[in-house]
């Protein structure tokens, strides 16, 4: 599936969160003023994914005050997501996509370079969706470190 671009309609989804409760993009959009930050990460409890999740956690008040919800998606099962959320005190939904259906539809699953080899897996990505379900920002192959600050600057949300 090709990657999403600004102006595209974000494919809706419903996935289980870390408690096993179904969460949909439509529900998340309805609960915010401006939209939803959807970030895709390869694996819970790994150094890069932990850094990125903690950066979102540490800036969550700013995201919320600007009218955005934050949600993370990985192929990890809900139980793994729950341990990750508890260990890192992550107060936002972590959704489980073990079949990669949502990641594929959003362009966050595919070939990537890892240690000089081409592998298939999660492409670390962040897509911001407005209240109408349109993509307002899409970043693929992002670095875990510094990504959240860069995203906030690009959206004009610097503290």
C-alpha atoms as a PDB file:
ATOM      1  CA  UNK A   1       0.000   0.000   0.000  1.00  0.00           C
ATOM      2  CA  UNK A   2       1.355   3.455  -0.817  1.00  0.00           C
ATOM      3  CA  UNK A   3       2.087   5.916   1.943  1.00  0.00           C
ATOM      4  CA  UNK A   4      -0.502   8.536   2.866  1.00  0.00           C
ATOM      5  CA  UNK A   5      -0.101  12.146   1.801  1.00  0.00           C
ATOM      6  CA  UNK A   6      -1.549  15.446   2.983  1.00  0.00           C
ATOM      7  CA  UNK A   7      -5.205  15.676   1.945  1.00  0.00           C
ATOM      8  CA  UNK A   8      -5.760  11.907   1.739  1.00  0.00           C
ATOM      9  CA  UNK A   9      -8.630  10.359   3.651  1.00  0.00           C
ATOM     10  CA  UNK A  10      -7.160   8.368   6.526  1.00  0.00           C
ATOM     11  CA  UNK A  11      -8.435   4.780   6.450  1.00  0.00           C
ATOM     12  CA  UNK A  12     -10.658   4.134   9.451  1.00  0.00           C
ATOM     13  CA  UNK A  13      -9.732   1.327  11.809  1.00  0.00           C
ATOM     14  CA  UNK A  14     -10.825  -0.446  14.943  1.00  0.00           C
ATOM     15  CA  UNK A  15      -8.125  -2.236  16.927  1.00  0.00           C
ATOM     16  CA  UNK A  16      -7.851  -3.510  20.516  1.00  0.00           C
ATOM     17  CA  UNK A  17      -5.985  -1.326  22.980  1.00  0.00           C
ATOM     18  CA  UNK A  18      -3.718  -2.542  25.775  1.00  0.00           C
ATOM     19  CA  UNK A  19      -6.781  -3.575  27.816  1.00  0.00           C
ATOM     20  CA  UNK A  20      -8.326  -5.417  24.862  1.00  0.00           C
ATOM     21  CA  UNK A  21     -10.979  -2.716  24.371  1.00  0.00           C
ATOM     22  CA  UNK A  22     -11.773  -1.881  20.729  1.00  0.00           C
ATOM     23  CA  UNK A  23     -10.712   1.661  19.750  1.00  0.00           C
ATOM     24  CA  UNK A  24     -11.624   3.251  16.418  1.00  0.00           C
ATOM     25  CA  UNK A  25     -10.142   6.200  14.590  1.00  0.00           C
ATOM     26  CA  UNK A  26     -13.660   7.640  14.256  1.00  0.00           C
ATOM     27  CA  UNK A  27     -14.078   7.499  18.049  1.00  0.00           C
ATOM     28  CA  UNK A  28     -10.699   9.137  18.641  1.00  0.00           C
ATOM     29  CA  UNK A  29     -11.484  11.910  16.129  1.00  0.00           C
ATOM     30  CA  UNK A  30     -14.880  12.543  17.739  1.00  0.00           C
ATOM     31  CA  UNK A  31     -13.233  12.972  21.148  1.00  0.00           C
ATOM     32  CA  UNK A  32     -10.802  15.717  20.042  1.00  0.00           C
ATOM     33  CA  UNK A  33     -10.983  19.292  18.841  1.00  0.00           C
ATOM     34  CA  UNK A  34      -8.267  19.196  16.157  1.00  0.00           C
ATOM     35  CA  UNK A  35      -7.417  15.599  15.412  1.00  0.00           C
ATOM     36  CA  UNK A  36      -5.376  12.527  16.169  1.00  0.00           C
ATOM     37  CA  UNK A  37      -1.655  11.820  16.101  1.00  0.00           C
ATOM     38  CA  UNK A  38      -1.270   8.188  15.002  1.00  0.00           C
ATOM     39  CA  UNK A  39       2.231   6.821  15.369  1.00  0.00           C
ATOM     40  CA  UNK A  40       3.439   3.405  14.283  1.00  0.00           C
ATOM     41  CA  UNK A  41       6.317   1.734  16.093  1.00  0.00           C
ATOM     42  CA  UNK A  42       8.022  -1.634  15.567  1.00  0.00           C
ATOM     43  CA  UNK A  43       8.088  -3.206  19.022  1.00  0.00           C
ATOM     44  CA  UNK A  44       7.252  -2.355  22.620  1.00  0.00           C
ATOM     45  CA  UNK A  45      10.038  -2.242  25.201  1.00  0.00           C
ATOM     46  CA  UNK A  46      12.827  -1.709  22.661  1.00  0.00           C
ATOM     47  CA  UNK A  47      15.106   1.307  23.197  1.00  0.00           C
ATOM     48  CA  UNK A  48      13.930   3.400  20.225  1.00  0.00           C
ATOM     49  CA  UNK A  49      10.255   2.645  20.716  1.00  0.00           C
ATOM     50  CA  UNK A  50      10.522   3.390  24.427  1.00  0.00           C
ATOM     51  CA  UNK A  51      12.237   6.728  23.704  1.00  0.00           C
ATOM     52  CA  UNK A  52       9.546   7.711  21.201  1.00  0.00           C
ATOM     53  CA  UNK A  53       6.664   6.645  23.472  1.00  0.00           C
ATOM     54  CA  UNK A  54       8.156   8.512  26.432  1.00  0.00           C
ATOM     55  CA  UNK A  55       8.595  11.635  24.275  1.00  0.00           C
ATOM     56  CA  UNK A  56       4.880  11.477  23.415  1.00  0.00           C
ATOM     57  CA  UNK A  57       4.081  10.858  27.102  1.00  0.00           C
ATOM     58  CA  UNK A  58       6.199  13.794  28.253  1.00  0.00           C
ATOM     59  CA  UNK A  59       4.576  16.173  25.755  1.00  0.00           C
ATOM     60  CA  UNK A  60       1.034  14.798  26.104  1.00  0.00           C
ATOM     61  CA  UNK A  61      -0.310  17.795  28.030  1.00  0.00           C
ATOM     62  CA  UNK A  62       0.773  20.023  25.145  1.00  0.00           C
ATOM     63  CA  UNK A  63      -0.842  17.733  22.579  1.00  0.00           C
ATOM     64  CA  UNK A  64      -4.080  17.634  24.559  1.00  0.00           C
ATOM     65  CA  UNK A  65      -4.183  21.385  25.189  1.00  0.00           C
ATOM     66  CA  UNK A  66      -3.709  21.893  21.433  1.00  0.00           C
ATOM     67  CA  UNK A  67      -6.719  19.636  20.813  1.00  0.00           C
ATOM     68  CA  UNK A  68      -4.995  16.405  19.718  1.00  0.00           C
ATOM     69  CA  UNK A  69      -5.242  12.816  20.887  1.00  0.00           C
ATOM     70  CA  UNK A  70      -2.210  10.518  20.615  1.00  0.00           C
ATOM     71  CA  UNK A  71      -2.362   6.810  19.804  1.00  0.00           C
ATOM     72  CA  UNK A  72       0.426   4.295  19.156  1.00  0.00           C
ATOM     73  CA  UNK A  73       0.102   1.188  16.970  1.00  0.00           C
ATOM     74  CA  UNK A  74       2.425  -1.821  16.760  1.00  0.00           C
ATOM     75  CA  UNK A  75       2.124  -5.521  15.968  1.00  0.00           C
ATOM     76  CA  UNK A  76       2.508  -6.397  19.661  1.00  0.00           C
ATOM     77  CA  UNK A  77      -0.413  -8.220  21.337  1.00  0.00           C
ATOM     78  CA  UNK A  78      -2.518  -6.307  23.901  1.00  0.00           C
ATOM     79  CA  UNK A  79      -0.799  -8.003  26.862  1.00  0.00           C
ATOM     80  CA  UNK A  80       2.610  -6.786  25.670  1.00  0.00           C
ATOM     81  CA  UNK A  81       1.177  -3.325  25.057  1.00  0.00           C
ATOM     82  CA  UNK A  82      -0.258  -3.348  28.603  1.00  0.00           C
ATOM     83  CA  UNK A  83       3.120  -4.198  30.154  1.00  0.00           C
ATOM     84  CA  UNK A  84       4.774  -1.466  28.065  1.00  0.00           C
ATOM     85  CA  UNK A  85       2.142   1.117  29.047  1.00  0.00           C
ATOM     86  CA  UNK A  86       2.407   0.214  32.721  1.00  0.00           C
ATOM     87  CA  UNK A  87       6.202   0.129  32.848  1.00  0.00           C
ATOM     88  CA  UNK A  88       6.562   3.470  31.039  1.00  0.00           C
ATOM     89  CA  UNK A  89       3.413   5.150  32.506  1.00  0.00           C
ATOM     90  CA  UNK A  90       1.958   5.735  29.043  1.00  0.00           C
ATOM     91  CA  UNK A  91      -1.462   7.404  29.448  1.00  0.00           C
ATOM     92  CA  UNK A  92      -2.630   7.022  25.840  1.00  0.00           C
ATOM     93  CA  UNK A  93      -3.936   4.046  23.876  1.00  0.00           C
ATOM     94  CA  UNK A  94      -1.491   1.535  22.455  1.00  0.00           C
ATOM     95  CA  UNK A  95      -3.249  -0.491  19.789  1.00  0.00           C
ATOM     96  CA  UNK A  96      -2.459  -3.989  18.598  1.00  0.00           C
ATOM     97  CA  UNK A  97      -2.248  -4.734  14.851  1.00  0.00           C
ATOM     98  CA  UNK A  98      -0.673  -8.225  14.678  1.00  0.00           C
ATOM     99  CA  UNK A  99      -1.946  -8.879  11.151  1.00  0.00           C
ATOM    100  CA  UNK A 100      -0.490  -5.530   9.953  1.00  0.00           C
ATOM    101  CA  UNK A 101      -3.784  -4.634   8.238  1.00  0.00           C
ATOM    102  CA  UNK A 102      -3.900  -1.050   9.508  1.00  0.00           C
ATOM    103  CA  UNK A 103      -0.158  -0.558   9.109  1.00  0.00           C
ATOM    104  CA  UNK A 104      -0.432  -1.770   5.521  1.00  0.00           C
ATOM    105  CA  UNK A 105      -3.408   0.503   4.756  1.00  0.00           C
ATOM    106  CA  UNK A 106      -1.531   3.491   6.213  1.00  0.00           C
ATOM    107  CA  UNK A 107       1.749   2.741   4.410  1.00  0.00           C
ATOM    108  CA  UNK A 108       3.569   1.890   7.650  1.00  0.00           C
ATOM    109  CA  UNK A 109       4.316  -1.747   6.777  1.00  0.00           C
ATOM    110  CA  UNK A 110       6.758  -2.721   4.070  1.00  0.00           C
ATOM    111  CA  UNK A 111      10.364  -2.999   3.062  1.00  0.00           C
ATOM    112  CA  UNK A 112      12.963  -1.023   4.950  1.00  0.00           C
ATOM    113  CA  UNK A 113      16.692  -1.083   5.555  1.00  0.00           C
ATOM    114  CA  UNK A 114      17.882  -2.547   8.836  1.00  0.00           C
ATOM    115  CA  UNK A 115      21.603  -2.913   9.504  1.00  0.00           C
ATOM    116  CA  UNK A 116      22.270  -2.737   5.767  1.00  0.00           C
ATOM    117  CA  UNK A 117      19.774  -5.445   4.854  1.00  0.00           C
ATOM    118  CA  UNK A 118      16.344  -5.081   3.297  1.00  0.00           C
ATOM    119  CA  UNK A 119      13.660  -6.481   5.601  1.00  0.00           C
ATOM    120  CA  UNK A 120       9.871  -6.314   5.775  1.00  0.00           C
ATOM    121  CA  UNK A 121       8.402  -4.777   8.896  1.00  0.00           C
ATOM    122  CA  UNK A 122       6.993  -1.713  10.587  1.00  0.00           C
ATOM    123  CA  UNK A 123       8.156   1.561   9.064  1.00  0.00           C
ATOM    124  CA  UNK A 124       8.390   3.981  12.002  1.00  0.00           C
ATOM    125  CA  UNK A 125       5.837   6.594  10.962  1.00  0.00           C
ATOM    126  CA  UNK A 126       3.539   9.294  12.276  1.00  0.00           C
ATOM    127  CA  UNK A 127       0.378  10.553  10.594  1.00  0.00           C
ATOM    128  CA  UNK A 128      -1.717  13.437  11.905  1.00  0.00           C
ATOM    129  CA  UNK A 129      -5.400  13.270  10.999  1.00  0.00           C
ATOM    130  CA  UNK A 130      -7.830  16.164  11.394  1.00  0.00           C
ATOM    131  CA  UNK A 131     -11.365  15.949  12.761  1.00  0.00           C
ATOM    132  CA  UNK A 132     -12.758  15.265   9.293  1.00  0.00           C
ATOM    133  CA  UNK A 133     -10.454  12.296   8.769  1.00  0.00           C
ATOM    134  CA  UNK A 134      -8.051  14.012   6.372  1.00  0.00           C
ATOM    135  CA  UNK A 135      -4.284  13.680   6.648  1.00  0.00           C
ATOM    136  CA  UNK A 136      -2.677  16.996   7.622  1.00  0.00           C
ATOM    137  CA  UNK A 137       0.861  15.660   8.084  1.00  0.00           C
ATOM    138  CA  UNK A 138       2.528  12.336   7.266  1.00  0.00           C
ATOM    139  CA  UNK A 139       6.100  11.382   8.115  1.00  0.00           C
ATOM    140  CA  UNK A 140       7.636   8.004   7.278  1.00  0.00           C
ATOM    141  CA  UNK A 141      10.993   6.451   8.198  1.00  0.00           C
ATOM    142  CA  UNK A 142      11.335   8.825  11.134  1.00  0.00           C
ATOM    143  CA  UNK A 143      13.980   8.553  13.820  1.00  0.00           C
ATOM    144  CA  UNK A 144      12.753   7.773  17.308  1.00  0.00           C
ATOM    145  CA  UNK A 145      14.912  10.438  18.931  1.00  0.00           C
ATOM    146  CA  UNK A 146      13.820  14.021  18.298  1.00  0.00           C
ATOM    147  CA  UNK A 147      10.856  13.045  16.174  1.00  0.00           C
ATOM    148  CA  UNK A 148       8.154  14.264  18.574  1.00  0.00           C
ATOM    149  CA  UNK A 149       9.763  17.705  18.969  1.00  0.00           C
ATOM    150  CA  UNK A 150      10.109  18.041  15.198  1.00  0.00           C
ATOM    151  CA  UNK A 151       6.476  17.054  14.725  1.00  0.00           C
ATOM    152  CA  UNK A 152       5.333  19.661  17.250  1.00  0.00           C
ATOM    153  CA  UNK A 153       7.376  22.352  15.477  1.00  0.00           C
ATOM    154  CA  UNK A 154       5.933  21.395  12.085  1.00  0.00           C
ATOM    155  CA  UNK A 155       2.418  21.714  13.510  1.00  0.00           C
ATOM    156  CA  UNK A 156       3.228  25.036  15.191  1.00  0.00           C
ATOM    157  CA  UNK A 157       2.838  23.621  18.716  1.00  0.00           C
ATOM    158  CA  UNK A 158       6.161  24.626  20.215  1.00  0.00           C
ATOM    159  CA  UNK A 159       5.906  25.349  23.915  1.00  0.00           C
END
